[in-house]
């Protein structure tokens, strides 16, 4: 499925992580896939409340949580720089789909 939201169609997901050799590209690809899947789910289900939207973002956040060990196994980690980049992309997605929710609520279950 291709994204229909104009703001998301050409969005450079996690570009700063791709630009940093510290992060293995195949793991950044996995994080990017989670974010794109989140956008696809938003477009498919069209959440009309903050609670419905947060269910989707929390599930995506937990999927990224699950990648932490794989980062560590590859001499990397979701550290402060990655946290900022991931948070910025989650925030961009939130605004692109018309929600005004504090980023800490959007990624509340994060352990990165």
PDB file of N, CA and C in Angstrom:
ATOM      1  N   UNK A   1       0.849  -1.177   0.000  1.00  0.00           N
ATOM      2  CA  UNK A   1       0.000   0.000   0.000  1.00  0.00           C
ATOM      3  C   UNK A   1       0.893   1.238   0.000  1.00  0.00           C
ATOM      4  N   UNK A   2       0.595   2.174  -0.869  1.00  0.00           N
ATOM      5  CA  UNK A   2       1.342   3.428  -0.841  1.00  0.00           C
ATOM      6  C   UNK A   2       0.557   4.445  -0.013  1.00  0.00           C
ATOM      7  N   UNK A   3       1.287   5.305   0.618  1.00  0.00           N
ATOM      8  CA  UNK A   3       0.663   6.287   1.495  1.00  0.00           C
ATOM      9  C   UNK A   3      -0.070   7.331   0.673  1.00  0.00           C
ATOM     10  N   UNK A   4      -1.229   7.738   1.166  1.00  0.00           N
ATOM     11  CA  UNK A   4      -2.031   8.731   0.446  1.00  0.00           C
ATOM     12  C   UNK A   4      -1.894  10.133   1.030  1.00  0.00           C
ATOM     13  N   UNK A   5      -1.415  10.244   2.255  1.00  0.00           N
ATOM     14  CA  UNK A   5      -1.236  11.549   2.880  1.00  0.00           C
ATOM     15  C   UNK A   5      -0.089  12.281   2.173  1.00  0.00           C
ATOM     16  N   UNK A   6      -0.377  13.433   1.606  1.00  0.00           N
ATOM     17  CA  UNK A   6       0.620  14.188   0.841  1.00  0.00           C
ATOM     18  C   UNK A   6       1.887  14.466   1.638  1.00  0.00           C
ATOM     19  N   UNK A   7       1.743  14.737   2.928  1.00  0.00           N
ATOM     20  CA  UNK A   7       2.905  15.060   3.759  1.00  0.00           C
ATOM     21  C   UNK A   7       3.782  13.842   4.011  1.00  0.00           C
ATOM     22  N   UNK A   8       3.211  12.642   3.882  1.00  0.00           N
ATOM     23  CA  UNK A   8       3.958  11.433   4.217  1.00  0.00           C
ATOM     24  C   UNK A   8       4.519  10.717   2.992  1.00  0.00           C
ATOM     25  N   UNK A   9       3.996  11.001   1.817  1.00  0.00           N
ATOM     26  CA  UNK A   9       4.396  10.263   0.617  1.00  0.00           C
ATOM     27  C   UNK A   9       5.890  10.308   0.347  1.00  0.00           C
ATOM     28  N   UNK A  10       6.495  11.446   0.485  1.00  0.00           N
ATOM     29  CA  UNK A  10       7.923  11.579   0.201  1.00  0.00           C
ATOM     30  C   UNK A  10       8.739  11.906   1.449  1.00  0.00           C
ATOM     31  N   UNK A  11       8.176  11.619   2.602  1.00  0.00           N
ATOM     32  CA  UNK A  11       8.859  11.947   3.849  1.00  0.00           C
ATOM     33  C   UNK A  11      10.107  11.076   4.009  1.00  0.00           C
ATOM     34  N   UNK A  12      11.245  11.671   4.330  1.00  0.00           N
ATOM     35  CA  UNK A  12      12.493  10.906   4.488  1.00  0.00           C
ATOM     36  C   UNK A  12      12.612  10.298   5.895  1.00  0.00           C
ATOM     37  N   UNK A  13      11.871   9.245   6.145  1.00  0.00           N
ATOM     38  CA  UNK A  13      11.868   8.607   7.455  1.00  0.00           C
ATOM     39  C   UNK A  13      13.289   8.319   7.936  1.00  0.00           C
ATOM     40  N   UNK A  14      13.574   8.730   9.157  1.00  0.00           N
ATOM     41  CA  UNK A  14      14.809   8.398   9.875  1.00  0.00           C
ATOM     42  C   UNK A  14      16.083   8.745   9.105  1.00  0.00           C
ATOM     43  N   UNK A  15      16.031   9.799   8.312  1.00  0.00           N
ATOM     44  CA  UNK A  15      17.164  10.132   7.453  1.00  0.00           C
ATOM     45  C   UNK A  15      18.462  10.323   8.236  1.00  0.00           C
ATOM     46  N   UNK A  16      18.382  10.958   9.396  1.00  0.00           N
ATOM     47  CA  UNK A  16      19.591  11.189  10.176  1.00  0.00           C
ATOM     48  C   UNK A  16      20.210   9.881  10.673  1.00  0.00           C
ATOM     49  N   UNK A  17      19.378   8.871  10.920  1.00  0.00           N
ATOM     50  CA  UNK A  17      19.920   7.572  11.324  1.00  0.00           C
ATOM     51  C   UNK A  17      20.612   6.890  10.135  1.00  0.00           C
ATOM     52  N   UNK A  18      20.036   7.037   8.954  1.00  0.00           N
ATOM     53  CA  UNK A  18      20.685   6.485   7.758  1.00  0.00           C
ATOM     54  C   UNK A  18      22.024   7.173   7.504  1.00  0.00           C
ATOM     55  N   UNK A  19      22.099   8.463   7.830  1.00  0.00           N
ATOM     56  CA  UNK A  19      23.315   9.234   7.578  1.00  0.00           C
ATOM     57  C   UNK A  19      24.431   8.953   8.589  1.00  0.00           C
ATOM     58  N   UNK A  20      24.121   8.255   9.667  1.00  0.00           N
ATOM     59  CA  UNK A  20      25.073   7.996  10.734  1.00  0.00           C
ATOM     60  C   UNK A  20      25.504   6.523  10.685  1.00  0.00           C
ATOM     61  N   UNK A  21      26.776   6.279  10.475  1.00  0.00           N
ATOM     62  CA  UNK A  21      27.297   4.917  10.358  1.00  0.00           C
ATOM     63  C   UNK A  21      27.129   4.084  11.632  1.00  0.00           C
ATOM     64  N   UNK A  22      26.819   4.728  12.731  1.00  0.00           N
ATOM     65  CA  UNK A  22      26.633   4.006  13.993  1.00  0.00           C
ATOM     66  C   UNK A  22      25.424   3.070  13.935  1.00  0.00           C
ATOM     67  N   UNK A  23      24.451   3.423  13.110  1.00  0.00           N
ATOM     68  CA  UNK A  23      23.218   2.648  13.028  1.00  0.00           C
ATOM     69  C   UNK A  23      23.244   1.750  11.798  1.00  0.00           C
ATOM     70  N   UNK A  24      23.183   0.425  11.994  1.00  0.00           N
ATOM     71  CA  UNK A  24      23.174  -0.485  10.853  1.00  0.00           C
ATOM     72  C   UNK A  24      21.957  -0.213   9.954  1.00  0.00           C
ATOM     73  N   UNK A  25      22.192   0.005   8.669  1.00  0.00           N
ATOM     74  CA  UNK A  25      21.080   0.337   7.772  1.00  0.00           C
ATOM     75  C   UNK A  25      19.931  -0.677   7.804  1.00  0.00           C
ATOM     76  N   UNK A  26      20.234  -1.964   7.943  1.00  0.00           N
ATOM     77  CA  UNK A  26      19.152  -2.945   7.937  1.00  0.00           C
ATOM     78  C   UNK A  26      18.257  -2.801   9.169  1.00  0.00           C
ATOM     79  N   UNK A  27      18.808  -2.306  10.278  1.00  0.00           N
ATOM     80  CA  UNK A  27      17.989  -2.063  11.465  1.00  0.00           C
ATOM     81  C   UNK A  27      17.208  -0.757  11.341  1.00  0.00           C
ATOM     82  N   UNK A  28      17.820   0.226  10.722  1.00  0.00           N
ATOM     83  CA  UNK A  28      17.078   1.464  10.451  1.00  0.00           C
ATOM     84  C   UNK A  28      15.927   1.148   9.503  1.00  0.00           C
ATOM     85  N   UNK A  29      16.167   0.259   8.537  1.00  0.00           N
ATOM     86  CA  UNK A  29      15.091  -0.176   7.636  1.00  0.00           C
ATOM     87  C   UNK A  29      13.929  -0.784   8.415  1.00  0.00           C
ATOM     88  N   UNK A  30      14.249  -1.574   9.445  1.00  0.00           N
ATOM     89  CA  UNK A  30      13.195  -2.191  10.255  1.00  0.00           C
ATOM     90  C   UNK A  30      12.388  -1.130  11.007  1.00  0.00           C
ATOM     91  N   UNK A  31      13.070  -0.129  11.547  1.00  0.00           N
ATOM     92  CA  UNK A  31      12.375   0.969  12.234  1.00  0.00           C
ATOM     93  C   UNK A  31      11.510   1.748  11.240  1.00  0.00           C
ATOM     94  N   UNK A  32      12.068   2.006  10.071  1.00  0.00           N
ATOM     95  CA  UNK A  32      11.322   2.717   9.029  1.00  0.00           C
ATOM     96  C   UNK A  32      10.083   1.927   8.633  1.00  0.00           C
ATOM     97  N   UNK A  33      10.212   0.622   8.516  1.00  0.00           N
ATOM     98  CA  UNK A  33       9.062  -0.217   8.155  1.00  0.00           C
ATOM     99  C   UNK A  33       7.959  -0.112   9.204  1.00  0.00           C
ATOM    100  N   UNK A  34       8.344  -0.023  10.474  1.00  0.00           N
ATOM    101  CA  UNK A  34       7.359   0.146  11.545  1.00  0.00           C
ATOM    102  C   UNK A  34       6.619   1.472  11.364  1.00  0.00           C
ATOM    103  N   UNK A  35       7.356   2.532  11.072  1.00  0.00           N
ATOM    104  CA  UNK A  35       6.732   3.850  10.911  1.00  0.00           C
ATOM    105  C   UNK A  35       5.826   3.898   9.682  1.00  0.00           C
ATOM    106  N   UNK A  36       6.266   3.293   8.596  1.00  0.00           N
ATOM    107  CA  UNK A  36       5.428   3.266   7.395  1.00  0.00           C
ATOM    108  C   UNK A  36       4.174   2.431   7.651  1.00  0.00           C
ATOM    109  N   UNK A  37       4.339   1.310   8.329  1.00  0.00           N
ATOM    110  CA  UNK A  37       3.187   0.489   8.690  1.00  0.00           C
ATOM    111  C   UNK A  37       2.214   1.264   9.575  1.00  0.00           C
ATOM    112  N   UNK A  38       2.746   2.057  10.494  1.00  0.00           N
ATOM    113  CA  UNK A  38       1.904   2.910  11.330  1.00  0.00           C
ATOM    114  C   UNK A  38       1.073   3.843  10.454  1.00  0.00           C
ATOM    115  N   UNK A  39       1.710   4.489   9.493  1.00  0.00           N
ATOM    116  CA  UNK A  39       0.994   5.394   8.599  1.00  0.00           C
ATOM    117  C   UNK A  39      -0.077   4.647   7.809  1.00  0.00           C
ATOM    118  N   UNK A  40       0.256   3.464   7.330  1.00  0.00           N
ATOM    119  CA  UNK A  40      -0.722   2.663   6.589  1.00  0.00           C
ATOM    120  C   UNK A  40      -1.912   2.301   7.460  1.00  0.00           C
ATOM    121  N   UNK A  41      -1.645   1.959   8.717  1.00  0.00           N
ATOM    122  CA  UNK A  41      -2.737   1.633   9.639  1.00  0.00           C
ATOM    123  C   UNK A  41      -3.601   2.852   9.927  1.00  0.00           C
ATOM    124  N   UNK A  42      -2.968   4.008  10.076  1.00  0.00           N
ATOM    125  CA  UNK A  42      -3.733   5.245  10.304  1.00  0.00           C
ATOM    126  C   UNK A  42      -4.641   5.501   9.103  1.00  0.00           C
ATOM    127  N   UNK A  43      -4.100   5.349   7.913  1.00  0.00           N
ATOM    128  CA  UNK A  43      -4.889   5.605   6.714  1.00  0.00           C
ATOM    129  C   UNK A  43      -5.990   4.562   6.523  1.00  0.00           C
ATOM    130  N   UNK A  44      -5.744   3.335   6.913  1.00  0.00           N
ATOM    131  CA  UNK A  44      -6.734   2.274   6.744  1.00  0.00           C
ATOM    132  C   UNK A  44      -7.859   2.366   7.764  1.00  0.00           C
ATOM    133  N   UNK A  45      -7.507   2.706   9.010  1.00  0.00           N
ATOM    134  CA  UNK A  45      -8.519   2.704  10.077  1.00  0.00           C
ATOM    135  C   UNK A  45      -9.120   4.076  10.344  1.00  0.00           C
ATOM    136  N   UNK A  46      -8.425   5.120   9.912  1.00  0.00           N
ATOM    137  CA  UNK A  46      -8.890   6.504  10.107  1.00  0.00           C
ATOM    138  C   UNK A  46      -9.366   6.763  11.546  1.00  0.00           C
ATOM    139  N   UNK A  47      -8.453   6.688  12.499  1.00  0.00           N
ATOM    140  CA  UNK A  47      -8.847   6.923  13.891  1.00  0.00           C
ATOM    141  C   UNK A  47      -9.450   8.319  14.046  1.00  0.00           C
ATOM    142  N   UNK A  48     -10.546   8.389  14.786  1.00  0.00           N
ATOM    143  CA  UNK A  48     -11.202   9.695  14.943  1.00  0.00           C
ATOM    144  C   UNK A  48     -11.159  10.204  16.374  1.00  0.00           C
ATOM    145  N   UNK A  49     -10.337   9.558  17.192  1.00  0.00           N
ATOM    146  CA  UNK A  49     -10.138  10.060  18.554  1.00  0.00           C
ATOM    147  C   UNK A  49      -8.666   9.898  18.914  1.00  0.00           C
ATOM    148  N   UNK A  50      -8.246  10.689  19.882  1.00  0.00           N
ATOM    149  CA  UNK A  50      -6.867  10.580  20.354  1.00  0.00           C
ATOM    150  C   UNK A  50      -6.585   9.164  20.862  1.00  0.00           C
ATOM    151  N   UNK A  51      -7.557   8.576  21.538  1.00  0.00           N
ATOM    152  CA  UNK A  51      -7.365   7.242  22.100  1.00  0.00           C
ATOM    153  C   UNK A  51      -7.122   6.211  21.005  1.00  0.00           C
ATOM    154  N   UNK A  52      -7.894   6.272  19.931  1.00  0.00           N
ATOM    155  CA  UNK A  52      -7.716   5.336  18.825  1.00  0.00           C
ATOM    156  C   UNK A  52      -6.348   5.548  18.167  1.00  0.00           C
ATOM    157  N   UNK A  53      -5.957   6.803  18.006  1.00  0.00           N
ATOM    158  CA  UNK A  53      -4.656   7.111  17.421  1.00  0.00           C
ATOM    159  C   UNK A  53      -3.532   6.582  18.311  1.00  0.00           C
ATOM    160  N   UNK A  54      -3.656   6.796  19.614  1.00  0.00           N
ATOM    161  CA  UNK A  54      -2.622   6.358  20.551  1.00  0.00           C
ATOM    162  C   UNK A  54      -2.487   4.840  20.599  1.00  0.00           C
ATOM    163  N   UNK A  55      -3.565   4.116  20.383  1.00  0.00           N
ATOM    164  CA  UNK A  55      -3.464   2.652  20.318  1.00  0.00           C
ATOM    165  C   UNK A  55      -2.493   2.258  19.206  1.00  0.00           C
ATOM    166  N   UNK A  56      -2.592   2.935  18.078  1.00  0.00           N
ATOM    167  CA  UNK A  56      -1.720   2.632  16.940  1.00  0.00           C
ATOM    168  C   UNK A  56      -0.278   3.041  17.215  1.00  0.00           C
ATOM    169  N   UNK A  57      -0.082   4.245  17.759  1.00  0.00           N
ATOM    170  CA  UNK A  57       1.289   4.703  17.997  1.00  0.00           C
ATOM    171  C   UNK A  57       1.964   3.891  19.099  1.00  0.00           C
ATOM    172  N   UNK A  58       1.196   3.482  20.085  1.00  0.00           N
ATOM    173  CA  UNK A  58       1.781   2.683  21.160  1.00  0.00           C
ATOM    174  C   UNK A  58       2.222   1.312  20.641  1.00  0.00           C
ATOM    175  N   UNK A  59       1.424   0.717  19.775  1.00  0.00           N
ATOM    176  CA  UNK A  59       1.808  -0.572  19.193  1.00  0.00           C
ATOM    177  C   UNK A  59       3.091  -0.423  18.375  1.00  0.00           C
ATOM    178  N   UNK A  60       3.206   0.661  17.613  1.00  0.00           N
ATOM    179  CA  UNK A  60       4.418   0.911  16.824  1.00  0.00           C
ATOM    180  C   UNK A  60       5.618   1.141  17.734  1.00  0.00           C
ATOM    181  N   UNK A  61       5.421   1.883  18.798  1.00  0.00           N
ATOM    182  CA  UNK A  61       6.500   2.137  19.755  1.00  0.00           C
ATOM    183  C   UNK A  61       6.998   0.829  20.357  1.00  0.00           C
ATOM    184  N   UNK A  62       6.082  -0.061  20.685  1.00  0.00           N
ATOM    185  CA  UNK A  62       6.476  -1.346  21.264  1.00  0.00           C
ATOM    186  C   UNK A  62       7.222  -2.208  20.248  1.00  0.00           C
ATOM    187  N   UNK A  63       6.871  -2.093  18.980  1.00  0.00           N
ATOM    188  CA  UNK A  63       7.606  -2.831  17.952  1.00  0.00           C
ATOM    189  C   UNK A  63       9.049  -2.325  17.870  1.00  0.00           C
ATOM    190  N   UNK A  64       9.230  -1.022  18.001  1.00  0.00           N
ATOM    191  CA  UNK A  64      10.595  -0.480  18.003  1.00  0.00           C
ATOM    192  C   UNK A  64      11.322  -0.893  19.280  1.00  0.00           C
ATOM    193  N   UNK A  65      10.610  -0.916  20.415  1.00  0.00           N
ATOM    194  CA  UNK A  65      11.213  -1.422  21.654  1.00  0.00           C
ATOM    195  C   UNK A  65      11.806  -2.812  21.424  1.00  0.00           C
ATOM    196  N   UNK A  66      11.088  -3.637  20.688  1.00  0.00           N
ATOM    197  CA  UNK A  66      11.508  -5.019  20.459  1.00  0.00           C
ATOM    198  C   UNK A  66      12.788  -5.128  19.634  1.00  0.00           C
ATOM    199  N   UNK A  67      13.200  -4.047  18.988  1.00  0.00           N
ATOM    200  CA  UNK A  67      14.408  -4.066  18.165  1.00  0.00           C
ATOM    201  C   UNK A  67      15.679  -3.727  18.946  1.00  0.00           C
ATOM    202  N   UNK A  68      15.530  -3.321  20.182  1.00  0.00           N
ATOM    203  CA  UNK A  68      16.693  -2.866  20.940  1.00  0.00           C
ATOM    204  C   UNK A  68      17.790  -3.915  21.063  1.00  0.00           C
ATOM    205  N   UNK A  69      17.415  -5.144  21.350  1.00  0.00           N
ATOM    206  CA  UNK A  69      18.437  -6.191  21.494  1.00  0.00           C
ATOM    207  C   UNK A  69      19.173  -6.415  20.178  1.00  0.00           C
ATOM    208  N   UNK A  70      18.452  -6.314  19.082  1.00  0.00           N
ATOM    209  CA  UNK A  70      19.089  -6.487  17.785  1.00  0.00           C
ATOM    210  C   UNK A  70      20.091  -5.359  17.509  1.00  0.00           C
ATOM    211  N   UNK A  71      19.751  -4.149  17.926  1.00  0.00           N
ATOM    212  CA  UNK A  71      20.716  -3.052  17.815  1.00  0.00           C
ATOM    213  C   UNK A  71      21.962  -3.374  18.637  1.00  0.00           C
ATOM    214  N   UNK A  72      21.764  -3.811  19.876  1.00  0.00           N
ATOM    215  CA  UNK A  72      22.900  -4.126  20.749  1.00  0.00           C
ATOM    216  C   UNK A  72      23.749  -5.248  20.168  1.00  0.00           C
ATOM    217  N   UNK A  73      23.100  -6.241  19.586  1.00  0.00           N
ATOM    218  CA  UNK A  73      23.830  -7.360  18.978  1.00  0.00           C
ATOM    219  C   UNK A  73      24.679  -6.916  17.793  1.00  0.00           C
ATOM    220  N   UNK A  74      24.375  -5.736  17.258  1.00  0.00           N
ATOM    221  CA  UNK A  74      25.107  -5.211  16.103  1.00  0.00           C
ATOM    222  C   UNK A  74      25.926  -3.977  16.463  1.00  0.00           C
ATOM    223  N   UNK A  75      26.374  -3.927  17.734  1.00  0.00           N
ATOM    224  CA  UNK A  75      27.248  -2.854  18.220  1.00  0.00           C
ATOM    225  C   UNK A  75      26.652  -1.467  18.026  1.00  0.00           C
ATOM    226  N   UNK A  76      25.371  -1.364  18.265  1.00  0.00           N
ATOM    227  CA  UNK A  76      24.661  -0.096  18.170  1.00  0.00           C
ATOM    228  C   UNK A  76      23.620  -0.086  19.286  1.00  0.00           C
ATOM    229  N   UNK A  77      22.894   0.984  19.388  1.00  0.00           N
ATOM    230  CA  UNK A  77      21.783   1.041  20.340  1.00  0.00           C
ATOM    231  C   UNK A  77      20.884   2.214  19.988  1.00  0.00           C
ATOM    232  N   UNK A  78      19.674   2.136  20.510  1.00  0.00           N
ATOM    233  CA  UNK A  78      18.759   3.266  20.358  1.00  0.00           C
ATOM    234  C   UNK A  78      19.098   4.215  21.503  1.00  0.00           C
ATOM    235  N   UNK A  79      20.065   5.096  21.237  1.00  0.00           N
ATOM    236  CA  UNK A  79      20.593   6.015  22.236  1.00  0.00           C
ATOM    237  C   UNK A  79      19.981   7.398  22.033  1.00  0.00           C
ATOM    238  N   UNK A  80      20.534   8.394  22.676  1.00  0.00           N
ATOM    239  CA  UNK A  80      19.903   9.718  22.690  1.00  0.00           C
ATOM    240  C   UNK A  80      19.669  10.286  21.293  1.00  0.00           C
ATOM    241  N   UNK A  81      20.630  10.138  20.388  1.00  0.00           N
ATOM    242  CA  UNK A  81      20.433  10.647  19.034  1.00  0.00           C
ATOM    243  C   UNK A  81      19.298   9.942  18.327  1.00  0.00           C
ATOM    244  N   UNK A  82      19.269   8.630  18.429  1.00  0.00           N
ATOM    245  CA  UNK A  82      18.202   7.851  17.800  1.00  0.00           C
ATOM    246  C   UNK A  82      16.852   8.180  18.432  1.00  0.00           C
ATOM    247  N   UNK A  83      16.835   8.360  19.740  1.00  0.00           N
ATOM    248  CA  UNK A  83      15.583   8.707  20.421  1.00  0.00           C
ATOM    249  C   UNK A  83      15.014  10.007  19.871  1.00  0.00           C
ATOM    250  N   UNK A  84      15.886  10.990  19.683  1.00  0.00           N
ATOM    251  CA  UNK A  84      15.432  12.282  19.154  1.00  0.00           C
ATOM    252  C   UNK A  84      14.888  12.134  17.732  1.00  0.00           C
ATOM    253  N   UNK A  85      15.574  11.354  16.912  1.00  0.00           N
ATOM    254  CA  UNK A  85      15.159  11.167  15.519  1.00  0.00           C
ATOM    255  C   UNK A  85      13.825  10.415  15.464  1.00  0.00           C
ATOM    256  N   UNK A  86      13.717   9.332  16.222  1.00  0.00           N
ATOM    257  CA  UNK A  86      12.469   8.570  16.255  1.00  0.00           C
ATOM    258  C   UNK A  86      11.319   9.426  16.780  1.00  0.00           C
ATOM    259  N   UNK A  87      11.574  10.160  17.844  1.00  0.00           N
ATOM    260  CA  UNK A  87      10.533  11.032  18.414  1.00  0.00           C
ATOM    261  C   UNK A  87      10.078  12.076  17.400  1.00  0.00           C
ATOM    262  N   UNK A  88      11.030  12.659  16.678  1.00  0.00           N
ATOM    263  CA  UNK A  88      10.685  13.672  15.675  1.00  0.00           C
ATOM    264  C   UNK A  88       9.816  13.072  14.575  1.00  0.00           C
ATOM    265  N   UNK A  89      10.123  11.850  14.156  1.00  0.00           N
ATOM    266  CA  UNK A  89       9.313  11.226  13.112  1.00  0.00           C
ATOM    267  C   UNK A  89       7.926  10.881  13.626  1.00  0.00           C
ATOM    268  N   UNK A  90       7.828  10.377  14.847  1.00  0.00           N
ATOM    269  CA  UNK A  90       6.506  10.122  15.429  1.00  0.00           C
ATOM    270  C   UNK A  90       5.706  11.422  15.524  1.00  0.00           C
ATOM    271  N   UNK A  91       6.375  12.504  15.904  1.00  0.00           N
ATOM    272  CA  UNK A  91       5.680  13.788  16.019  1.00  0.00           C
ATOM    273  C   UNK A  91       5.222  14.278  14.646  1.00  0.00           C
ATOM    274  N   UNK A  92       6.062  14.112  13.634  1.00  0.00           N
ATOM    275  CA  UNK A  92       5.699  14.525  12.286  1.00  0.00           C
ATOM    276  C   UNK A  92       4.475  13.741  11.808  1.00  0.00           C
ATOM    277  N   UNK A  93       4.467  12.441  12.051  1.00  0.00           N
ATOM    278  CA  UNK A  93       3.329  11.601  11.673  1.00  0.00           C
ATOM    279  C   UNK A  93       2.069  12.081  12.392  1.00  0.00           C
ATOM    280  N   UNK A  94       2.191  12.347  13.676  1.00  0.00           N
ATOM    281  CA  UNK A  94       1.043  12.799  14.469  1.00  0.00           C
ATOM    282  C   UNK A  94       0.425  14.052  13.866  1.00  0.00           C
ATOM    283  N   UNK A  95       1.246  15.021  13.548  1.00  0.00           N
ATOM    284  CA  UNK A  95       0.741  16.286  12.990  1.00  0.00           C
ATOM    285  C   UNK A  95       0.238  16.100  11.550  1.00  0.00           C
ATOM    286  N   UNK A  96       0.919  15.273  10.774  1.00  0.00           N
ATOM    287  CA  UNK A  96       0.521  15.059   9.381  1.00  0.00           C
ATOM    288  C   UNK A  96      -0.876  14.464   9.285  1.00  0.00           C
ATOM    289  N   UNK A  97      -1.261  13.697  10.277  1.00  0.00           N
ATOM    290  CA  UNK A  97      -2.591  13.090  10.262  1.00  0.00           C
ATOM    291  C   UNK A  97      -3.599  13.874  11.098  1.00  0.00           C
ATOM    292  N   UNK A  98      -3.225  15.102  11.463  1.00  0.00           N
ATOM    293  CA  UNK A  98      -4.184  16.026  12.056  1.00  0.00           C
ATOM    294  C   UNK A  98      -4.411  15.889  13.550  1.00  0.00           C
ATOM    295  N   UNK A  99      -3.494  15.254  14.245  1.00  0.00           N
ATOM    296  CA  UNK A  99      -3.652  15.114  15.686  1.00  0.00           C
ATOM    297  C   UNK A  99      -2.721  16.075  16.406  1.00  0.00           C
ATOM    298  N   UNK A 100      -3.174  16.558  17.545  1.00  0.00           N
ATOM    299  CA  UNK A 100      -2.397  17.472  18.373  1.00  0.00           C
ATOM    300  C   UNK A 100      -2.247  16.828  19.750  1.00  0.00           C
ATOM    301  N   UNK A 101      -1.279  15.919  19.827  1.00  0.00           N
ATOM    302  CA  UNK A 101      -1.065  15.144  21.045  1.00  0.00           C
ATOM    303  C   UNK A 101       0.403  15.294  21.441  1.00  0.00           C
ATOM    304  N   UNK A 102       0.658  15.485  22.714  1.00  0.00           N
ATOM    305  CA  UNK A 102       2.021  15.603  23.219  1.00  0.00           C
ATOM    306  C   UNK A 102       2.822  14.362  22.828  1.00  0.00           C
ATOM    307  N   UNK A 103       4.036  14.568  22.347  1.00  0.00           N
ATOM    308  CA  UNK A 103       4.864  13.469  21.869  1.00  0.00           C
ATOM    309  C   UNK A 103       5.125  12.439  22.960  1.00  0.00           C
ATOM    310  N   UNK A 104       5.229  12.854  24.207  1.00  0.00           N
ATOM    311  CA  UNK A 104       5.457  11.894  25.294  1.00  0.00           C
ATOM    312  C   UNK A 104       4.278  10.943  25.437  1.00  0.00           C
ATOM    313  N   UNK A 105       3.075  11.412  25.140  1.00  0.00           N
ATOM    314  CA  UNK A 105       1.904  10.529  25.156  1.00  0.00           C
ATOM    315  C   UNK A 105       1.908   9.605  23.939  1.00  0.00           C
ATOM    316  N   UNK A 106       2.351  10.137  22.809  1.00  0.00           N
ATOM    317  CA  UNK A 106       2.365   9.359  21.568  1.00  0.00           C
ATOM    318  C   UNK A 106       3.287   8.146  21.697  1.00  0.00           C
ATOM    319  N   UNK A 107       4.426   8.324  22.339  1.00  0.00           N
ATOM    320  CA  UNK A 107       5.410   7.236  22.463  1.00  0.00           C
ATOM    321  C   UNK A 107       5.544   6.768  23.914  1.00  0.00           C
ATOM    322  N   UNK A 108       4.468   6.866  24.663  1.00  0.00           N
ATOM    323  CA  UNK A 108       4.495   6.571  26.101  1.00  0.00           C
ATOM    324  C   UNK A 108       5.100   5.216  26.471  1.00  0.00           C
ATOM    325  N   UNK A 109       4.867   4.150  25.718  1.00  0.00           N
ATOM    326  CA  UNK A 109       5.427   2.866  26.159  1.00  0.00           C
ATOM    327  C   UNK A 109       6.901   2.652  25.774  1.00  0.00           C
ATOM    328  N   UNK A 110       7.551   3.683  25.281  1.00  0.00           N
ATOM    329  CA  UNK A 110       8.943   3.513  24.835  1.00  0.00           C
ATOM    330  C   UNK A 110       9.851   3.171  26.005  1.00  0.00           C
ATOM    331  N   UNK A 111      10.839   2.338  25.710  1.00  0.00           N
ATOM    332  CA  UNK A 111      11.878   2.088  26.702  1.00  0.00           C
ATOM    333  C   UNK A 111      13.244   2.329  26.065  1.00  0.00           C
ATOM    334  N   UNK A 112      13.257   3.308  25.166  1.00  0.00           N
ATOM    335  CA  UNK A 112      14.502   3.739  24.527  1.00  0.00           C
ATOM    336  C   UNK A 112      14.696   5.216  24.801  1.00  0.00           C
TER     337      UNK A 112
END
